[in-house]
Amino acid sequence: MDLKRLLNFEEGKWKFFLEEYTPLRQRIYVGLTILFVASLSIFAFNARQTDPLNMKNTELNTEQPIGRDSMQVKMTKAVYSPKNHTAQFVFKGDGTGNDSALTGNEFKFLGKVVSGKGNLTVIPTINNQWVVLVSNLDTNFGGIQIVAESNIPEKPNINSSNIENQKPVFSTSQKDLKKVINLNASSPKTITLNAVVEEEKSNENSISKTKNKINDTKKLIEYDKSQISKLQENTDSLTSDEVKKRSNTIENLRNEISTSETSLTELKNKLSHLKDNTKQLKDKKIAIEKGDFKLPKVQETSKVELKK
């Protein structure tokens, strides 16, 4: 059929819309409808494959037990850059059952994606903190799960047979990941250096605040001592009730001084710890800048198997 003739005007109408061409129009409408429904079906199928409908997102800053030693770990940050096909997660640990700070190899992190593959990099940055990068992700990876495991040896006085070895799973779907423009500059060296510098600034701020608290506590102790001295003067003219009342006040002030002195000792210990930590951070910063920092091994992710 000549399409050009069909589209010519005849008495103000296209021939295509004349009554004699009704069967042709119906066949075209049916074809377009079938094409539209098929397109929707393909889109829905692809979305079903990549959108983990039964993956429950883990809330940020939610502590979960790990290992058998009363330790906790939480995810504090989860972002994704569509431009760089890279997701970044920050985890913080609490060594409640451990006698020292967590420096890096105490926890192991494994990565899984819903669709496709990716490269997992675990970066111990500062004490009790890890950054996990999942790079080279597919455009529609669906979601990511990070499994945390403890590498800390069990204490000999713990009966591990009665305690479950906790391996918390942190999940987040692609659509719910916070989007950022660029993660391209986030190399392991850059991430670690940034974390060290940020923690160093935080430490300096804490040192300043702790010094102020120490000064305030010292002033409070001196004030309470001066109040006691005043109350102990000119007691000859006091009645027995007044003497008793003063004695109670002096006792309360002495208790306050004792409490303040305990706080002062704790503040001084905290200040000493902050200064030591700042020195360690400065040393680590120098090591990173010199290139002495050992970059972690890149691990290949495995596919997430979602429950039906």
Foldseek 3Di string as FASTA:
>chain_A
DDVVQQQDDDPNDRVCPDPVNVVVVVVVVVVVVVVVVVVVVVVVVVCPQQAQPPWDADDFPDWDDAFQQRKTKTWHAWAAALVFQKIKIKMFIDPPRDDDWAQAPQKDKAKAFADDKWKWFWARAGTRMIMIMTGPHDSRRFWMKIKMHGPDDDDPVDPCVVTDRDIDIGIDTPVPHHYDHDPPPVDSLVVNLVVLVVVLVVLVVVLVVLVVLLVVLVVLLVVLVVVLVVLPPPPPPDDPVSVVVSVVSNVVSVVVNVVSVVVNVVSVVVSVVSVVSSVVSVVVSVCSVVVVDDGGDMDMHHHDDDDD
